[in-house]
Amino acid sequence: SDIEASRSAWAAMLGLPEPEISVTDTLDT
């Protein structure tokens, strides 16, 4: 439900940097 919070939690657990967030393309693409 909250990618920023989930990304931070996973990064802390895995000991990895937080990955970039991307957004899927719009319907026309």
All heavy atoms as atom14 arrays in JSON, in Angstrom:
{
  "sequence": "SDIEASRSAWAAMLGLPEPEISVTDTLDT",
  "atom14_mask": [
    [1, 1, 1, 1, 1, 1, 0, 0, 0, 0, 0, 0, 0, 0],
    [1, 1, 1, 1, 1, 1, 1, 1, 0, 0, 0, 0, 0, 0],
    [1, 1, 1, 1, 1, 1, 1, 1, 0, 0, 0, 0, 0, 0],
    [1, 1, 1, 1, 1, 1, 1, 1, 1, 0, 0, 0, 0, 0],
    [1, 1, 1, 1, 1, 0, 0, 0, 0, 0, 0, 0, 0, 0],
    [1, 1, 1, 1, 1, 1, 0, 0, 0, 0, 0, 0, 0, 0],
    [1, 1, 1, 1, 1, 1, 1, 1, 1, 1, 1, 0, 0, 0],
    [1, 1, 1, 1, 1, 1, 0, 0, 0, 0, 0, 0, 0, 0],
    [1, 1, 1, 1, 1, 0, 0, 0, 0, 0, 0, 0, 0, 0],
    [1, 1, 1, 1, 1, 1, 1, 1, 1, 1, 1, 1, 1, 1],
    [1, 1, 1, 1, 1, 0, 0, 0, 0, 0, 0, 0, 0, 0],
    [1, 1, 1, 1, 1, 0, 0, 0, 0, 0, 0, 0, 0, 0],
    [1, 1, 1, 1, 1, 1, 1, 1, 0, 0, 0, 0, 0, 0],
    [1, 1, 1, 1, 1, 1, 1, 1, 0, 0, 0, 0, 0, 0],
    [1, 1, 1, 1, 0, 0, 0, 0, 0, 0, 0, 0, 0, 0],
    [1, 1, 1, 1, 1, 1, 1, 1, 0, 0, 0, 0, 0, 0],
    [1, 1, 1, 1, 1, 1, 1, 0, 0, 0, 0, 0, 0, 0],
    [1, 1, 1, 1, 1, 1, 1, 1, 1, 0, 0, 0, 0, 0],
    [1, 1, 1, 1, 1, 1, 1, 0, 0, 0, 0, 0, 0, 0],
    [1, 1, 1, 1, 1, 1, 1, 1, 1, 0, 0, 0, 0, 0],
    [1, 1, 1, 1, 1, 1, 1, 1, 0, 0, 0, 0, 0, 0],
    [1, 1, 1, 1, 1, 1, 0, 0, 0, 0, 0, 0, 0, 0],
    [1, 1, 1, 1, 1, 1, 1, 0, 0, 0, 0, 0, 0, 0],
    [1, 1, 1, 1, 1, 1, 1, 0, 0, 0, 0, 0, 0, 0],
    [1, 1, 1, 1, 1, 1, 1, 1, 0, 0, 0, 0, 0, 0],
    [1, 1, 1, 1, 1, 1, 1, 0, 0, 0, 0, 0, 0, 0],
    [1, 1, 1, 1, 1, 1, 1, 1, 0, 0, 0, 0, 0, 0],
    [1, 1, 1, 1, 1, 1, 1, 1, 0, 0, 0, 0, 0, 0],
    [1, 1, 1, 1, 1, 1, 1, 0, 0, 0, 0, 0, 0, 0]
  ],
  "atom14_positions": [
    [[0.81, -1.21, 0.0], [0.0, 0.0, 0.0], [0.85, 1.27, 0.0], [0.37, 2.31, -0.43], [-0.95, 0.01, 1.21], [-0.21, -0.08, 2.41], [0.0, 0.0, 0.0], [0.0, 0.0, 0.0], [0.0, 0.0, 0.0], [0.0, 0.0, 0.0], [0.0, 0.0, 0.0], [0.0, 0.0, 0.0], [0.0, 0.0, 0.0], [0.0, 0.0, 0.0]],
    [[2.1, 1.17, 0.47], [2.98, 2.33, 0.54], [4.38, 1.87, 0.11], [5.12, 1.29, 0.9], [3.0, 2.89, 1.96], [3.92, 4.09, 2.14], [4.81, 4.32, 1.29], [3.75, 4.79, 3.16], [0.0, 0.0, 0.0], [0.0, 0.0, 0.0], [0.0, 0.0, 0.0], [0.0, 0.0, 0.0], [0.0, 0.0, 0.0], [0.0, 0.0, 0.0]],
    [[4.72, 2.11, -1.14], [5.97, 1.57, -1.67], [7.2, 2.17, -0.99], [8.2, 1.48, -0.82], [6.03, 1.7, -3.21], [7.07, 0.72, -3.77], [6.28, 3.13, -3.64], [6.95, 0.46, -5.24], [0.0, 0.0, 0.0], [0.0, 0.0, 0.0], [0.0, 0.0, 0.0], [0.0, 0.0, 0.0], [0.0, 0.0, 0.0], [0.0, 0.0, 0.0]],
    [[7.13, 3.44, -0.59], [8.28, 4.03, 0.09], [8.57, 3.32, 1.41], [9.7, 2.97, 1.71], [8.09, 5.54, 0.32], [8.32, 6.39, -0.9], [7.05, 6.58, -1.73], [5.97, 6.05, -1.35], [7.13, 7.26, -2.77], [0.0, 0.0, 0.0], [0.0, 0.0, 0.0], [0.0, 0.0, 0.0], [0.0, 0.0, 0.0], [0.0, 0.0, 0.0]],
    [[7.53, 3.09, 2.21], [7.7, 2.41, 3.5], [8.14, 0.96, 3.3], [9.04, 0.49, 4.0], [6.4, 2.47, 4.3], [0.0, 0.0, 0.0], [0.0, 0.0, 0.0], [0.0, 0.0, 0.0], [0.0, 0.0, 0.0], [0.0, 0.0, 0.0], [0.0, 0.0, 0.0], [0.0, 0.0, 0.0], [0.0, 0.0, 0.0], [0.0, 0.0, 0.0]],
    [[7.54, 0.28, 2.35], [7.9, -1.12, 2.09], [9.33, -1.23, 1.57], [10.09, -2.12, 1.98], [6.93, -1.75, 1.1], [5.64, -1.83, 1.67], [0.0, 0.0, 0.0], [0.0, 0.0, 0.0], [0.0, 0.0, 0.0], [0.0, 0.0, 0.0], [0.0, 0.0, 0.0], [0.0, 0.0, 0.0], [0.0, 0.0, 0.0], [0.0, 0.0, 0.0]],
    [[9.68, -0.33, 0.68], [11.04, -0.32, 0.12], [12.06, -0.12, 1.24], [13.08, -0.81, 1.29], [11.15, 0.78, -0.93], [12.54, 0.99, -1.49], [12.57, 2.1, -2.5], [12.35, 3.4, -1.86], [12.58, 4.56, -2.44], [13.04, 4.6, -3.68], [12.35, 5.69, -1.81], [0.0, 0.0, 0.0], [0.0, 0.0, 0.0], [0.0, 0.0, 0.0]],
    [[11.8, 0.79, 2.15], [12.7, 1.04, 3.27], [12.82, -0.18, 4.17], [13.92, -0.54, 4.6], [12.24, 2.24, 4.09], [12.33, 3.42, 3.33], [0.0, 0.0, 0.0], [0.0, 0.0, 0.0], [0.0, 0.0, 0.0], [0.0, 0.0, 0.0], [0.0, 0.0, 0.0], [0.0, 0.0, 0.0], [0.0, 0.0, 0.0], [0.0, 0.0, 0.0]],
    [[11.69, -0.81, 4.47], [11.7, -1.99, 5.34], [12.47, -3.14, 4.7], [13.29, -3.8, 5.36], [10.27, -2.42, 5.66], [0.0, 0.0, 0.0], [0.0, 0.0, 0.0], [0.0, 0.0, 0.0], [0.0, 0.0, 0.0], [0.0, 0.0, 0.0], [0.0, 0.0, 0.0], [0.0, 0.0, 0.0], [0.0, 0.0, 0.0], [0.0, 0.0, 0.0]],
    [[12.22, -3.4, 3.42], [12.94, -4.48, 2.72], [14.43, -4.16, 2.64], [15.27, -5.05, 2.84], [12.36, -4.71, 1.33], [11.16, -5.61, 1.34], [9.85, -5.23, 1.41], [11.16, -7.03, 1.3], [9.04, -6.34, 1.4], [9.81, -7.45, 1.34], [12.16, -7.99, 1.23], [9.44, -8.79, 1.31], [11.8, -9.33, 1.2], [10.45, -9.72, 1.24]],
    [[14.78, -2.93, 2.33], [16.19, -2.55, 2.23], [16.9, -2.76, 3.56], [18.02, -3.3, 3.61], [16.33, -1.1, 1.77], [0.0, 0.0, 0.0], [0.0, 0.0, 0.0], [0.0, 0.0, 0.0], [0.0, 0.0, 0.0], [0.0, 0.0, 0.0], [0.0, 0.0, 0.0], [0.0, 0.0, 0.0], [0.0, 0.0, 0.0], [0.0, 0.0, 0.0]],
    [[16.26, -2.36, 4.66], [16.87, -2.53, 5.99], [17.04, -4.02, 6.31], [18.1, -4.43, 6.81], [16.01, -1.85, 7.05], [0.0, 0.0, 0.0], [0.0, 0.0, 0.0], [0.0, 0.0, 0.0], [0.0, 0.0, 0.0], [0.0, 0.0, 0.0], [0.0, 0.0, 0.0], [0.0, 0.0, 0.0], [0.0, 0.0, 0.0], [0.0, 0.0, 0.0]],
    [[16.03, -4.83, 6.02], [16.11, -6.25, 6.31], [17.19, -6.94, 5.47], [17.95, -7.76, 5.96], [14.77, -6.95, 6.06], [14.81, -8.44, 6.36], [13.32, -9.32, 5.9], [13.34, -9.2, 4.13], [0.0, 0.0, 0.0], [0.0, 0.0, 0.0], [0.0, 0.0, 0.0], [0.0, 0.0, 0.0], [0.0, 0.0, 0.0], [0.0, 0.0, 0.0]],
    [[17.27, -6.58, 4.18], [18.22, -7.21, 3.27], [19.63, -6.63, 3.38], [20.59, -7.22, 2.89], [17.73, -7.09, 1.82], [16.42, -7.81, 1.5], [15.92, -7.39, 0.12], [16.59, -9.32, 1.59], [0.0, 0.0, 0.0], [0.0, 0.0, 0.0], [0.0, 0.0, 0.0], [0.0, 0.0, 0.0], [0.0, 0.0, 0.0], [0.0, 0.0, 0.0]],
    [[19.75, -5.45, 3.98], [21.04, -4.79, 4.05], [21.48, -4.26, 2.69], [22.67, -4.25, 2.37], [0.0, 0.0, 0.0], [0.0, 0.0, 0.0], [0.0, 0.0, 0.0], [0.0, 0.0, 0.0], [0.0, 0.0, 0.0], [0.0, 0.0, 0.0], [0.0, 0.0, 0.0], [0.0, 0.0, 0.0], [0.0, 0.0, 0.0], [0.0, 0.0, 0.0]],
    [[20.51, -3.81, 1.91], [20.77, -3.3, 0.56], [20.29, -1.85, 0.45], [19.42, -1.42, 1.21], [20.03, -4.15, -0.48], [20.48, -5.6, -0.63], [19.54, -6.34, -1.56], [21.91, -5.66, -1.13], [0.0, 0.0, 0.0], [0.0, 0.0, 0.0], [0.0, 0.0, 0.0], [0.0, 0.0, 0.0], [0.0, 0.0, 0.0], [0.0, 0.0, 0.0]],
    [[20.82, -1.12, -0.53], [20.29, 0.24, -0.75], [18.86, 0.18, -1.28], [18.45, -0.82, -1.89], [21.24, 0.84, -1.79], [21.98, -0.3, -2.37], [21.92, -1.45, -1.42], [0.0, 0.0, 0.0], [0.0, 0.0, 0.0], [0.0, 0.0, 0.0], [0.0, 0.0, 0.0], [0.0, 0.0, 0.0], [0.0, 0.0, 0.0], [0.0, 0.0, 0.0]],
    [[18.13, 1.24, -1.05], [16.77, 1.31, -1.57], [16.81, 1.47, -3.09], [17.49, 2.37, -3.6], [16.01, 2.48, -0.95], [15.76, 2.3, 0.52], [14.93, 3.42, 1.13], [14.39, 4.27, 0.37], [14.83, 3.45, 2.37], [0.0, 0.0, 0.0], [0.0, 0.0, 0.0], [0.0, 0.0, 0.0], [0.0, 0.0, 0.0], [0.0, 0.0, 0.0]],
    [[16.09, 0.62, -3.82], [16.08, 0.76, -5.28], [15.22, 1.93, -5.73], [14.39, 2.44, -4.99], [15.46, -0.57, -5.74], [14.59, -0.99, -4.61], [15.29, -0.5, -3.36], [0.0, 0.0, 0.0], [0.0, 0.0, 0.0], [0.0, 0.0, 0.0], [0.0, 0.0, 0.0], [0.0, 0.0, 0.0], [0.0, 0.0, 0.0], [0.0, 0.0, 0.0]],
    [[15.46, 2.35, -6.98], [14.64, 3.4, -7.59], [13.19, 2.9, -7.71], [12.95, 1.7, -7.82], [15.16, 3.73, -8.99], [16.53, 4.36, -9.0], [16.54, 5.74, -8.39], [15.6, 6.51, -8.62], [17.51, 6.04, -7.66], [0.0, 0.0, 0.0], [0.0, 0.0, 0.0], [0.0, 0.0, 0.0], [0.0, 0.0, 0.0], [0.0, 0.0, 0.0]],
    [[12.27, 3.83, -7.71], [10.86, 3.53, -7.95], [10.53, 3.98, -9.36], [10.86, 5.09, -9.76], [9.96, 4.24, -6.93], [10.23, 3.69, -5.53], [8.49, 4.09, -7.32], [9.52, 4.44, -4.42], [0.0, 0.0, 0.0], [0.0, 0.0, 0.0], [0.0, 0.0, 0.0], [0.0, 0.0, 0.0], [0.0, 0.0, 0.0], [0.0, 0.0, 0.0]],
    [[9.91, 3.1, -10.12], [9.46, 3.44, -11.47], [7.93, 3.34, -11.52], [7.32, 2.75, -10.63], [10.09, 2.51, -12.52], [9.68, 1.18, -12.29], [0.0, 0.0, 0.0], [0.0, 0.0, 0.0], [0.0, 0.0, 0.0], [0.0, 0.0, 0.0], [0.0, 0.0, 0.0], [0.0, 0.0, 0.0], [0.0, 0.0, 0.0], [0.0, 0.0, 0.0]],
    [[7.35, 3.92, -12.55], [5.9, 3.87, -12.74], [5.62, 3.24, -14.08], [6.27, 3.57, -15.09], [5.28, 5.29, -12.66], [3.78, 5.25, -12.86], [5.62, 5.95, -11.32], [0.0, 0.0, 0.0], [0.0, 0.0, 0.0], [0.0, 0.0, 0.0], [0.0, 0.0, 0.0], [0.0, 0.0, 0.0], [0.0, 0.0, 0.0], [0.0, 0.0, 0.0]],
    [[4.66, 2.32, -14.11], [4.3, 1.67, -15.36], [3.76, 2.7, -16.35], [3.28, 3.77, -15.95], [3.27, 0.55, -15.14], [2.09, 1.1, -14.55], [3.84, -0.56, -14.27], [0.0, 0.0, 0.0], [0.0, 0.0, 0.0], [0.0, 0.0, 0.0], [0.0, 0.0, 0.0], [0.0, 0.0, 0.0], [0.0, 0.0, 0.0], [0.0, 0.0, 0.0]],
    [[3.82, 2.36, -17.61], [3.38, 3.27, -18.66], [1.86, 3.46, -18.65], [1.11, 2.64, -18.12], [3.81, 2.73, -20.03], [5.29, 2.86, -20.27], [5.89, 3.85, -19.81], [5.86, 1.96, -20.92], [0.0, 0.0, 0.0], [0.0, 0.0, 0.0], [0.0, 0.0, 0.0], [0.0, 0.0, 0.0], [0.0, 0.0, 0.0], [0.0, 0.0, 0.0]],
    [[1.43, 4.52, -19.3], [0.01, 4.81, -19.44], [-0.62, 3.86, -20.45], [0.06, 3.16, -21.2], [-0.19, 6.27, -19.91], [0.53, 6.46, -21.13], [0.31, 7.25, -18.87], [0.0, 0.0, 0.0], [0.0, 0.0, 0.0], [0.0, 0.0, 0.0], [0.0, 0.0, 0.0], [0.0, 0.0, 0.0], [0.0, 0.0, 0.0], [0.0, 0.0, 0.0]],
    [[-1.94, 3.84, -20.46], [-2.7, 2.92, -21.31], [-2.29, 3.02, -22.77], [-2.17, 2.0, -23.45], [-4.2, 3.2, -21.16], [-5.14, 2.4, -22.06], [-5.01, 0.91, -21.8], [-6.58, 2.86, -21.85], [0.0, 0.0, 0.0], [0.0, 0.0, 0.0], [0.0, 0.0, 0.0], [0.0, 0.0, 0.0], [0.0, 0.0, 0.0], [0.0, 0.0, 0.0]],
    [[-2.05, 4.22, -23.29], [-1.73, 4.37, -24.71], [-0.42, 3.66, -25.07], [-0.27, 3.18, -26.2], [-1.69, 5.84, -25.12], [-0.65, 6.65, -24.37], [-0.45, 6.4, -23.16], [-0.03, 7.54, -24.98], [0.0, 0.0, 0.0], [0.0, 0.0, 0.0], [0.0, 0.0, 0.0], [0.0, 0.0, 0.0], [0.0, 0.0, 0.0], [0.0, 0.0, 0.0]],
    [[0.51, 3.54, -24.15], [1.78, 2.86, -24.4], [1.72, 1.4, -23.96], [2.13, 0.5, -24.7], [2.93, 3.57, -23.67], [3.0, 4.91, -24.13], [4.26, 2.87, -23.92], [0.0, 0.0, 0.0], [0.0, 0.0, 0.0], [0.0, 0.0, 0.0], [0.0, 0.0, 0.0], [0.0, 0.0, 0.0], [0.0, 0.0, 0.0], [0.0, 0.0, 0.0]]
  ]
}
